Amino acid sequence: MTDSEINKVVSKILREHLKDFGFIRSTVHSEQDFDGASILRITAHCKEWNVPSSRLTDALHETRSNLLRKGEERFVLLGSQSPNEETLEEDVD
């Protein structure tokens, strides 16, 4: 699956799981891990920064299960980011 196809699946799941935290959008990037294996890095962009790990874990579980049913076997890393964190990252340069 392409990153764009994966994002369509993922955004629906994250919107449901993270609506209480102002879910805005998700981004998906294919990357390589330290062993050179292809992985998926998914970021949930939310208005609030304090998304509990239990909510992310539930969303990750549903995301991974859904992607496996569609034949996508890459390992998934899921994190969240608020608009304030995006600004901080840009300022680091």
PDB file of N, CA and C in Angstrom:
ATOM      1  N   MET A   1       0.844  -1.185   0.000  1.00  0.00           N
ATOM      2  CA  MET A   1       0.000   0.000   0.000  1.00  0.00           C
ATOM      3  C   MET A   1       0.884   1.241   0.000  1.00  0.00           C
ATOM      4  N   THR A   2       0.410   2.290  -0.624  1.00  0.00           N
ATOM      5  CA  THR A   2       1.152   3.549  -0.611  1.00  0.00           C
ATOM      6  C   THR A   2       0.859   4.305   0.684  1.00  0.00           C
ATOM      7  N   ASP A   3       1.708   5.273   0.985  1.00  0.00           N
ATOM      8  CA  ASP A   3       1.481   6.096   2.182  1.00  0.00           C
ATOM      9  C   ASP A   3       0.113   6.769   2.128  1.00  0.00           C
ATOM     10  N   SER A   4      -0.279   7.220   0.948  1.00  0.00           N
ATOM     11  CA  SER A   4      -1.566   7.895   0.783  1.00  0.00           C
ATOM     12  C   SER A   4      -2.733   6.935   1.041  1.00  0.00           C
ATOM     13  N   GLU A   5      -2.651   5.720   0.529  1.00  0.00           N
ATOM     14  CA  GLU A   5      -3.699   4.726   0.763  1.00  0.00           C
ATOM     15  C   GLU A   5      -3.791   4.379   2.248  1.00  0.00           C
ATOM     16  N   ILE A   6      -2.644   4.239   2.869  1.00  0.00           N
ATOM     17  CA  ILE A   6      -2.606   3.928   4.303  1.00  0.00           C
ATOM     18  C   ILE A   6      -3.204   5.069   5.106  1.00  0.00           C
ATOM     19  N   ASN A   7      -2.886   6.296   4.721  1.00  0.00           N
ATOM     20  CA  ASN A   7      -3.397   7.453   5.449  1.00  0.00           C
ATOM     21  C   ASN A   7      -4.921   7.528   5.400  1.00  0.00           C
ATOM     22  N   LYS A   8      -5.518   7.124   4.294  1.00  0.00           N
ATOM     23  CA  LYS A   8      -6.984   7.123   4.202  1.00  0.00           C
ATOM     24  C   LYS A   8      -7.587   6.176   5.236  1.00  0.00           C
ATOM     25  N   VAL A   9      -6.984   5.008   5.385  1.00  0.00           N
ATOM     26  CA  VAL A   9      -7.459   4.030   6.371  1.00  0.00           C
ATOM     27  C   VAL A   9      -7.227   4.552   7.785  1.00  0.00           C
ATOM     28  N   VAL A  10      -6.020   5.038   8.016  1.00  0.00           N
ATOM     29  CA  VAL A  10      -5.592   5.466   9.347  1.00  0.00           C
ATOM     30  C   VAL A  10      -6.367   6.679   9.834  1.00  0.00           C
ATOM     31  N   SER A  11      -6.605   7.640   8.976  1.00  0.00           N
ATOM     32  CA  SER A  11      -7.255   8.876   9.420  1.00  0.00           C
ATOM     33  C   SER A  11      -8.659   8.619   9.957  1.00  0.00           C
ATOM     34  N   LYS A  12      -9.367   7.669   9.378  1.00  0.00           N
ATOM     35  CA  LYS A  12     -10.708   7.337   9.876  1.00  0.00           C
ATOM     36  C   LYS A  12     -10.626   6.750  11.287  1.00  0.00           C
ATOM     37  N   ILE A  13      -9.669   5.881  11.491  1.00  0.00           N
ATOM     38  CA  ILE A  13      -9.505   5.245  12.802  1.00  0.00           C
ATOM     39  C   ILE A  13      -9.096   6.277  13.844  1.00  0.00           C
ATOM     40  N   LEU A  14      -8.109   7.103  13.507  1.00  0.00           N
ATOM     41  CA  LEU A  14      -7.609   8.098  14.454  1.00  0.00           C
ATOM     42  C   LEU A  14      -8.658   9.159  14.758  1.00  0.00           C
ATOM     43  N   ARG A  15      -9.422   9.540  13.761  1.00  0.00           N
ATOM     44  CA  ARG A  15     -10.486  10.532  13.990  1.00  0.00           C
ATOM     45  C   ARG A  15     -11.445  10.034  15.066  1.00  0.00           C
ATOM     46  N   GLU A  16     -11.786   8.764  15.023  1.00  0.00           N
ATOM     47  CA  GLU A  16     -12.702   8.194  16.015  1.00  0.00           C
ATOM     48  C   GLU A  16     -12.044   8.091  17.395  1.00  0.00           C
ATOM     49  N   HIS A  17     -10.830   7.592  17.448  1.00  0.00           N
ATOM     50  CA  HIS A  17     -10.158   7.376  18.728  1.00  0.00           C
ATOM     51  C   HIS A  17      -9.696   8.668  19.404  1.00  0.00           C
ATOM     52  N   LEU A  18      -9.393   9.686  18.613  1.00  0.00           N
ATOM     53  CA  LEU A  18      -8.776  10.891  19.170  1.00  0.00           C
ATOM     54  C   LEU A  18      -9.623  12.145  19.015  1.00  0.00           C
ATOM     55  N   LYS A  19     -10.902  11.977  18.751  1.00  0.00           N
ATOM     56  CA  LYS A  19     -11.770  13.145  18.556  1.00  0.00           C
ATOM     57  C   LYS A  19     -11.830  14.033  19.803  1.00  0.00           C
ATOM     58  N   ASP A  20     -11.696  13.438  20.984  1.00  0.00           N
ATOM     59  CA  ASP A  20     -11.740  14.212  22.233  1.00  0.00           C
ATOM     60  C   ASP A  20     -10.517  15.114  22.412  1.00  0.00           C
ATOM     61  N   PHE A  21      -9.495  14.914  21.594  1.00  0.00           N
ATOM     62  CA  PHE A  21      -8.261  15.679  21.712  1.00  0.00           C
ATOM     63  C   PHE A  21      -8.051  16.608  20.512  1.00  0.00           C
ATOM     64  N   GLY A  22      -9.122  16.835  19.772  1.00  0.00           N
ATOM     65  CA  GLY A  22      -9.071  17.763  18.649  1.00  0.00           C
ATOM     66  C   GLY A  22      -8.286  17.236  17.469  1.00  0.00           C
ATOM     67  N   PHE A  23      -8.518  15.969  17.101  1.00  0.00           N
ATOM     68  CA  PHE A  23      -7.821  15.396  15.952  1.00  0.00           C
ATOM     69  C   PHE A  23      -7.992  16.296  14.735  1.00  0.00           C
ATOM     70  N   ILE A  24      -6.872  16.638  14.106  1.00  0.00           N
ATOM     71  CA  ILE A  24      -6.876  17.499  12.922  1.00  0.00           C
ATOM     72  C   ILE A  24      -6.647  16.682  11.658  1.00  0.00           C
ATOM     73  N   ARG A  25      -5.559  15.915  11.660  1.00  0.00           N
ATOM     74  CA  ARG A  25      -5.189  15.122  10.487  1.00  0.00           C
ATOM     75  C   ARG A  25      -4.129  14.104  10.901  1.00  0.00           C
ATOM     76  N   SER A  26      -3.827  13.216   9.981  1.00  0.00           N
ATOM     77  CA  SER A  26      -2.743  12.265  10.209  1.00  0.00           C
ATOM     78  C   SER A  26      -1.763  12.347   9.053  1.00  0.00           C
ATOM     79  N   THR A  27      -0.535  11.970   9.330  1.00  0.00           N
ATOM     80  CA  THR A  27       0.475  11.867   8.284  1.00  0.00           C
ATOM     81  C   THR A  27       1.114  10.489   8.377  1.00  0.00           C
ATOM     82  N   VAL A  28       1.492   9.962   7.231  1.00  0.00           N
ATOM     83  CA  VAL A  28       2.116   8.642   7.147  1.00  0.00           C
ATOM     84  C   VAL A  28       3.390   8.770   6.337  1.00  0.00           C
ATOM     85  N   HIS A  29       4.468   8.225   6.867  1.00  0.00           N
ATOM     86  CA  HIS A  29       5.752   8.229   6.163  1.00  0.00           C
ATOM     87  C   HIS A  29       6.365   6.841   6.239  1.00  0.00           C
ATOM     88  N   SER A  30       6.751   6.320   5.083  1.00  0.00           N
ATOM     89  CA  SER A  30       7.494   5.067   5.045  1.00  0.00           C
ATOM     90  C   SER A  30       8.944   5.384   5.371  1.00  0.00           C
ATOM     91  N   GLU A  31       9.537   4.588   6.259  1.00  0.00           N
ATOM     92  CA  GLU A  31      10.925   4.789   6.670  1.00  0.00           C
ATOM     93  C   GLU A  31      11.590   3.436   6.820  1.00  0.00           C
ATOM     94  N   GLN A  32      12.874   3.472   7.094  1.00  0.00           N
ATOM     95  CA  GLN A  32      13.601   2.254   7.411  1.00  0.00           C
ATOM     96  C   GLN A  32      14.010   2.304   8.870  1.00  0.00           C
ATOM     97  N   ASP A  33      13.904   1.156   9.552  1.00  0.00           N
ATOM     98  CA  ASP A  33      14.345   1.108  10.940  1.00  0.00           C
ATOM     99  C   ASP A  33      15.852   0.880  10.982  1.00  0.00           C
ATOM    100  N   PHE A  34      16.389   0.705  12.162  1.00  0.00           N
ATOM    101  CA  PHE A  34      17.833   0.575  12.341  1.00  0.00           C
ATOM    102  C   PHE A  34      18.405  -0.671  11.672  1.00  0.00           C
ATOM    103  N   ASP A  35      17.558  -1.664  11.376  1.00  0.00           N
ATOM    104  CA  ASP A  35      18.004  -2.879  10.686  1.00  0.00           C
ATOM    105  C   ASP A  35      17.791  -2.801   9.178  1.00  0.00           C
ATOM    106  N   GLY A  36      17.229  -1.698   8.717  1.00  0.00           N
ATOM    107  CA  GLY A  36      16.962  -1.536   7.292  1.00  0.00           C
ATOM    108  C   GLY A  36      15.604  -2.046   6.847  1.00  0.00           C
ATOM    109  N   ALA A  37      14.775  -2.500   7.787  1.00  0.00           N
ATOM    110  CA  ALA A  37      13.428  -2.958   7.452  1.00  0.00           C
ATOM    111  C   ALA A  37      12.507  -1.761   7.238  1.00  0.00           C
ATOM    112  N   SER A  38      11.578  -1.899   6.320  1.00  0.00           N
ATOM    113  CA  SER A  38      10.617  -0.835   6.042  1.00  0.00           C
ATOM    114  C   SER A  38       9.559  -0.793   7.145  1.00  0.00           C
ATOM    115  N   ILE A  39       9.296   0.398   7.661  1.00  0.00           N
ATOM    116  CA  ILE A  39       8.287   0.607   8.705  1.00  0.00           C
ATOM    117  C   ILE A  39       7.394   1.774   8.306  1.00  0.00           C
ATOM    118  N   LEU A  40       6.312   1.954   9.036  1.00  0.00           N
ATOM    119  CA  LEU A  40       5.408   3.084   8.839  1.00  0.00           C
ATOM    120  C   LEU A  40       5.431   3.961  10.074  1.00  0.00           C
ATOM    121  N   ARG A  41       5.716   5.243   9.888  1.00  0.00           N
ATOM    122  CA  ARG A  41       5.648   6.200  10.987  1.00  0.00           C
ATOM    123  C   ARG A  41       4.388   7.039  10.773  1.00  0.00           C
ATOM    124  N   ILE A  42       3.445   6.889  11.694  1.00  0.00           N
ATOM    125  CA  ILE A  42       2.168   7.598  11.605  1.00  0.00           C
ATOM    126  C   ILE A  42       2.112   8.626  12.720  1.00  0.00           C
ATOM    127  N   THR A  43       1.745   9.848  12.366  1.00  0.00           N
ATOM    128  CA  THR A  43       1.609  10.911  13.350  1.00  0.00           C
ATOM    129  C   THR A  43       0.177  11.424  13.330  1.00  0.00           C
ATOM    130  N   ALA A  44      -0.437  11.453  14.503  1.00  0.00           N
ATOM    131  CA  ALA A  44      -1.767  12.036  14.665  1.00  0.00           C
ATOM    132  C   ALA A  44      -1.571  13.483  15.105  1.00  0.00           C
ATOM    133  N   HIS A  45      -2.001  14.406  14.294  1.00  0.00           N
ATOM    134  CA  HIS A  45      -1.901  15.830  14.615  1.00  0.00           C
ATOM    135  C   HIS A  45      -3.196  16.245  15.308  1.00  0.00           C
ATOM    136  N   CYS A  46      -3.057  16.694  16.558  1.00  0.00           N
ATOM    137  CA  CYS A  46      -4.213  17.038  17.388  1.00  0.00           C
ATOM    138  C   CYS A  46      -4.068  18.456  17.934  1.00  0.00           C
ATOM    139  N   LYS A  47      -5.189  19.053  18.303  1.00  0.00           N
ATOM    140  CA  LYS A  47      -5.160  20.383  18.900  1.00  0.00           C
ATOM    141  C   LYS A  47      -4.579  20.349  20.307  1.00  0.00           C
ATOM    142  N   GLU A  48      -4.812  19.257  21.023  1.00  0.00           N
ATOM    143  CA  GLU A  48      -4.304  19.117  22.389  1.00  0.00           C
ATOM    144  C   GLU A  48      -3.090  18.208  22.394  1.00  0.00           C
ATOM    145  N   TRP A  49      -2.141  18.477  23.244  1.00  0.00           N
ATOM    146  CA  TRP A  49      -0.904  17.707  23.293  1.00  0.00           C
ATOM    147  C   TRP A  49      -0.965  16.525  24.247  1.00  0.00           C
ATOM    148  N   ASN A  50      -1.935  16.486  25.139  1.00  0.00           N
ATOM    149  CA  ASN A  50      -1.964  15.497  26.223  1.00  0.00           C
ATOM    150  C   ASN A  50      -2.787  14.255  25.893  1.00  0.00           C
ATOM    151  N   VAL A  51      -2.519  13.633  24.752  1.00  0.00           N
ATOM    152  CA  VAL A  51      -3.227  12.413  24.382  1.00  0.00           C
ATOM    153  C   VAL A  51      -2.689  11.271  25.252  1.00  0.00           C
ATOM    154  N   PRO A  52      -3.564  10.614  26.025  1.00  0.00           N
ATOM    155  CA  PRO A  52      -3.093   9.526  26.887  1.00  0.00           C
ATOM    156  C   PRO A  52      -2.544   8.350  26.072  1.00  0.00           C
ATOM    157  N   SER A  53      -1.533   7.708  26.609  1.00  0.00           N
ATOM    158  CA  SER A  53      -0.924   6.588  25.903  1.00  0.00           C
ATOM    159  C   SER A  53      -1.930   5.458  25.681  1.00  0.00           C
ATOM    160  N   SER A  54      -2.892   5.311  26.589  1.00  0.00           N
ATOM    161  CA  SER A  54      -3.890   4.253  26.406  1.00  0.00           C
ATOM    162  C   SER A  54      -4.730   4.490  25.152  1.00  0.00           C
ATOM    163  N   ARG A  55      -5.038   5.745  24.842  1.00  0.00           N
ATOM    164  CA  ARG A  55      -5.812   6.057  23.636  1.00  0.00           C
ATOM    165  C   ARG A  55      -4.975   5.791  22.391  1.00  0.00           C
ATOM    166  N   LEU A  56      -3.688   6.153  22.446  1.00  0.00           N
ATOM    167  CA  LEU A  56      -2.806   5.883  21.307  1.00  0.00           C
ATOM    168  C   LEU A  56      -2.627   4.382  21.107  1.00  0.00           C
ATOM    169  N   THR A  57      -2.516   3.636  22.204  1.00  0.00           N
ATOM    170  CA  THR A  57      -2.351   2.187  22.119  1.00  0.00           C
ATOM    171  C   THR A  57      -3.579   1.536  21.490  1.00  0.00           C
ATOM    172  N   ASP A  58      -4.751   1.956  21.903  1.00  0.00           N
ATOM    173  CA  ASP A  58      -5.984   1.422  21.315  1.00  0.00           C
ATOM    174  C   ASP A  58      -6.058   1.745  19.819  1.00  0.00           C
ATOM    175  N   ALA A  59      -5.713   2.976  19.469  1.00  0.00           N
ATOM    176  CA  ALA A  59      -5.735   3.387  18.063  1.00  0.00           C
ATOM    177  C   ALA A  59      -4.694   2.602  17.258  1.00  0.00           C
ATOM    178  N   LEU A  60      -3.531   2.397  17.839  1.00  0.00           N
ATOM    179  CA  LEU A  60      -2.482   1.631  17.171  1.00  0.00           C
ATOM    180  C   LEU A  60      -2.933   0.197  16.930  1.00  0.00           C
ATOM    181  N   HIS A  61      -3.538  -0.412  17.922  1.00  0.00           N
ATOM    182  CA  HIS A  61      -4.004  -1.793  17.786  1.00  0.00           C
ATOM    183  C   HIS A  61      -5.022  -1.903  16.646  1.00  0.00           C
ATOM    184  N   GLU A  62      -5.992  -1.020  16.620  1.00  0.00           N
ATOM    185  CA  GLU A  62      -7.002  -1.067  15.556  1.00  0.00           C
ATOM    186  C   GLU A  62      -6.380  -0.773  14.195  1.00  0.00           C
ATOM    187  N   THR A  63      -5.458   0.188  14.156  1.00  0.00           N
ATOM    188  CA  THR A  63      -4.775   0.527  12.903  1.00  0.00           C
ATOM    189  C   THR A  63      -4.004  -0.672  12.369  1.00  0.00           C
ATOM    190  N   ARG A  64      -3.197  -1.272  13.231  1.00  0.00           N
ATOM    191  CA  ARG A  64      -2.373  -2.421  12.825  1.00  0.00           C
ATOM    192  C   ARG A  64      -3.244  -3.582  12.353  1.00  0.00           C
ATOM    193  N   SER A  65      -4.312  -3.880  13.082  1.00  0.00           N
ATOM    194  CA  SER A  65      -5.215  -4.973  12.701  1.00  0.00           C
ATOM    195  C   SER A  65      -5.860  -4.707  11.350  1.00  0.00           C
ATOM    196  N   ASN A  66      -6.303  -3.484  11.149  1.00  0.00           N
ATOM    197  CA  ASN A  66      -6.953  -3.110   9.897  1.00  0.00           C
ATOM    198  C   ASN A  66      -5.975  -3.197   8.726  1.00  0.00           C
ATOM    199  N   LEU A  67      -4.761  -2.703   8.918  1.00  0.00           N
ATOM    200  CA  LEU A  67      -3.768  -2.753   7.843  1.00  0.00           C
ATOM    201  C   LEU A  67      -3.360  -4.190   7.528  1.00  0.00           C
ATOM    202  N   LEU A  68      -3.241  -5.035   8.545  1.00  0.00           N
ATOM    203  CA  LEU A  68      -2.912  -6.447   8.304  1.00  0.00           C
ATOM    204  C   LEU A  68      -3.988  -7.121   7.461  1.00  0.00           C
ATOM    205  N   ARG A  69      -5.260  -6.832   7.748  1.00  0.00           N
ATOM    206  CA  ARG A  69      -6.359  -7.407   6.947  1.00  0.00           C
ATOM    207  C   ARG A  69      -6.275  -6.973   5.490  1.00  0.00           C
ATOM    208  N   LYS A  70      -5.680  -5.811   5.244  1.00  0.00           N
ATOM    209  CA  LYS A  70      -5.543  -5.303   3.881  1.00  0.00           C
ATOM    210  C   LYS A  70      -4.221  -5.735   3.228  1.00  0.00           C
ATOM    211  N   GLY A  71      -3.441  -6.551   3.955  1.00  0.00           N
ATOM    212  CA  GLY A  71      -2.198  -7.074   3.394  1.00  0.00           C
ATOM    213  C   GLY A  71      -0.961  -6.249   3.691  1.00  0.00           C
ATOM    214  N   GLU A  72      -1.090  -5.199   4.489  1.00  0.00           N
ATOM    215  CA  GLU A  72       0.055  -4.348   4.840  1.00  0.00           C
ATOM    216  C   GLU A  72       0.711  -4.905   6.098  1.00  0.00           C
ATOM    217  N   GLU A  73       1.937  -5.397   5.960  1.00  0.00           N
ATOM    218  CA  GLU A  73       2.591  -6.092   7.064  1.00  0.00           C
ATOM    219  C   GLU A  73       3.697  -5.295   7.748  1.00  0.00           C
ATOM    220  N   ARG A  74       3.961  -4.081   7.288  1.00  0.00           N
ATOM    221  CA  ARG A  74       5.044  -3.314   7.908  1.00  0.00           C
ATOM    222  C   ARG A  74       4.713  -2.937   9.352  1.00  0.00           C
ATOM    223  N   PHE A  75       5.756  -2.838  10.160  1.00  0.00           N
ATOM    224  CA  PHE A  75       5.626  -2.425  11.552  1.00  0.00           C
ATOM    225  C   PHE A  75       5.152  -0.979  11.593  1.00  0.00           C
ATOM    226  N   VAL A  76       4.261  -0.666  12.524  1.00  0.00           N
ATOM    227  CA  VAL A  76       3.677   0.675  12.629  1.00  0.00           C
ATOM    228  C   VAL A  76       4.136   1.352  13.917  1.00  0.00           C
ATOM    229  N   LEU A  77       4.635   2.566  13.789  1.00  0.00           N
ATOM    230  CA  LEU A  77       4.935   3.435  14.931  1.00  0.00           C
ATOM    231  C   LEU A  77       3.916   4.562  14.903  1.00  0.00           C
ATOM    232  N   LEU A  78       3.247   4.798  16.014  1.00  0.00           N
ATOM    233  CA  LEU A  78       2.213   5.837  16.090  1.00  0.00           C
ATOM    234  C   LEU A  78       2.560   6.820  17.190  1.00  0.00           C
ATOM    235  N   GLY A  79       2.514   8.086  16.861  1.00  0.00           N
ATOM    236  CA  GLY A  79       2.731   9.143  17.835  1.00  0.00           C
ATOM    237  C   GLY A  79       1.754  10.271  17.592  1.00  0.00           C
ATOM    238  N   SER A  80       1.729  11.221  18.510  1.00  0.00           N
ATOM    239  CA  SER A  80       0.853  12.383  18.342  1.00  0.00           C
ATOM    240  C   SER A  80       1.683  13.649  18.402  1.00  0.00           C
ATOM    241  N   GLN A  81       1.125  14.701  17.832  1.00  0.00           N
ATOM    242  CA  GLN A  81       1.804  15.995  17.807  1.00  0.00           C
ATOM    243  C   GLN A  81       0.747  17.093  17.815  1.00  0.00           C
ATOM    244  N   SER A  82       1.003  18.129  18.604  1.00  0.00           N
ATOM    245  CA  SER A  82       0.085  19.262  18.644  1.00  0.00           C
ATOM    246  C   SER A  82       0.670  20.394  17.798  1.00  0.00           C
ATOM    247  N   PRO A  83      -0.157  21.376  17.433  1.00  0.00           N
ATOM    248  CA  PRO A  83       0.369  22.505  16.668  1.00  0.00           C
ATOM    249  C   PRO A  83       1.522  23.210  17.387  1.00  0.00           C
ATOM    250  N   ASN A  84       1.498  23.290  18.713  1.00  0.00           N
ATOM    251  CA  ASN A  84       2.590  23.922  19.461  1.00  0.00           C
ATOM    252  C   ASN A  84       3.891  23.161  19.290  1.00  0.00           C
ATOM    253  N   GLU A  85       3.838  21.834  19.246  1.00  0.00           N
ATOM    254  CA  GLU A  85       5.036  21.023  19.071  1.00  0.00           C
ATOM    255  C   GLU A  85       5.620  21.219  17.671  1.00  0.00           C
ATOM    256  N   GLU A  86       4.744  21.390  16.673  1.00  0.00           N
ATOM    257  CA  GLU A  86       5.225  21.623  15.305  1.00  0.00           C
ATOM    258  C   GLU A  86       6.026  22.922  15.258  1.00  0.00           C
ATOM    259  N   THR A  87       5.545  23.951  15.940  1.00  0.00           N
ATOM    260  CA  THR A  87       6.233  25.232  15.980  1.00  0.00           C
ATOM    261  C   THR A  87       7.590  25.091  16.651  1.00  0.00           C
ATOM    262  N   LEU A  88       7.629  24.350  17.756  1.00  0.00           N
ATOM    263  CA  LEU A  88       8.887  24.135  18.467  1.00  0.00           C
ATOM    264  C   LEU A  88       9.896  23.419  17.595  1.00  0.00           C
ATOM    265  N   GLU A  89       9.469  22.416  16.845  1.00  0.00           N
ATOM    266  CA  GLU A  89      10.380  21.688  15.966  1.00  0.00           C
ATOM    267  C   GLU A  89      10.959  22.595  14.899  1.00  0.00           C
ATOM    268  N   GLU A  90      10.136  23.476  14.344  1.00  0.00           N
ATOM    269  CA  GLU A  90      10.596  24.395  13.312  1.00  0.00           C
ATOM    270  C   GLU A  90      11.614  25.376  13.865  1.00  0.00           C
ATOM    271  N   ASP A  91      11.466  25.768  15.126  1.00  0.00           N
ATOM    272  CA  ASP A  91      12.369  26.733  15.741  1.00  0.00           C
ATOM    273  C   ASP A  91      13.746  26.148  16.036  1.00  0.00           C
ATOM    274  N   VAL A  92      13.861  24.823  16.086  1.00  0.00           N
ATOM    275  CA  VAL A  92      15.115  24.182  16.443  1.00  0.00           C
ATOM    276  C   VAL A  92      16.199  24.417  15.401  1.00  0.00           C
ATOM    277  N   ASP A  93      15.835  24.535  14.149  1.00  0.00           N
ATOM    278  CA  ASP A  93      16.824  24.726  13.071  1.00  0.00           C
ATOM    279  C   ASP A  93      17.630  25.924  13.272  1.00  0.00           C
TER     280      ASP A  93
END
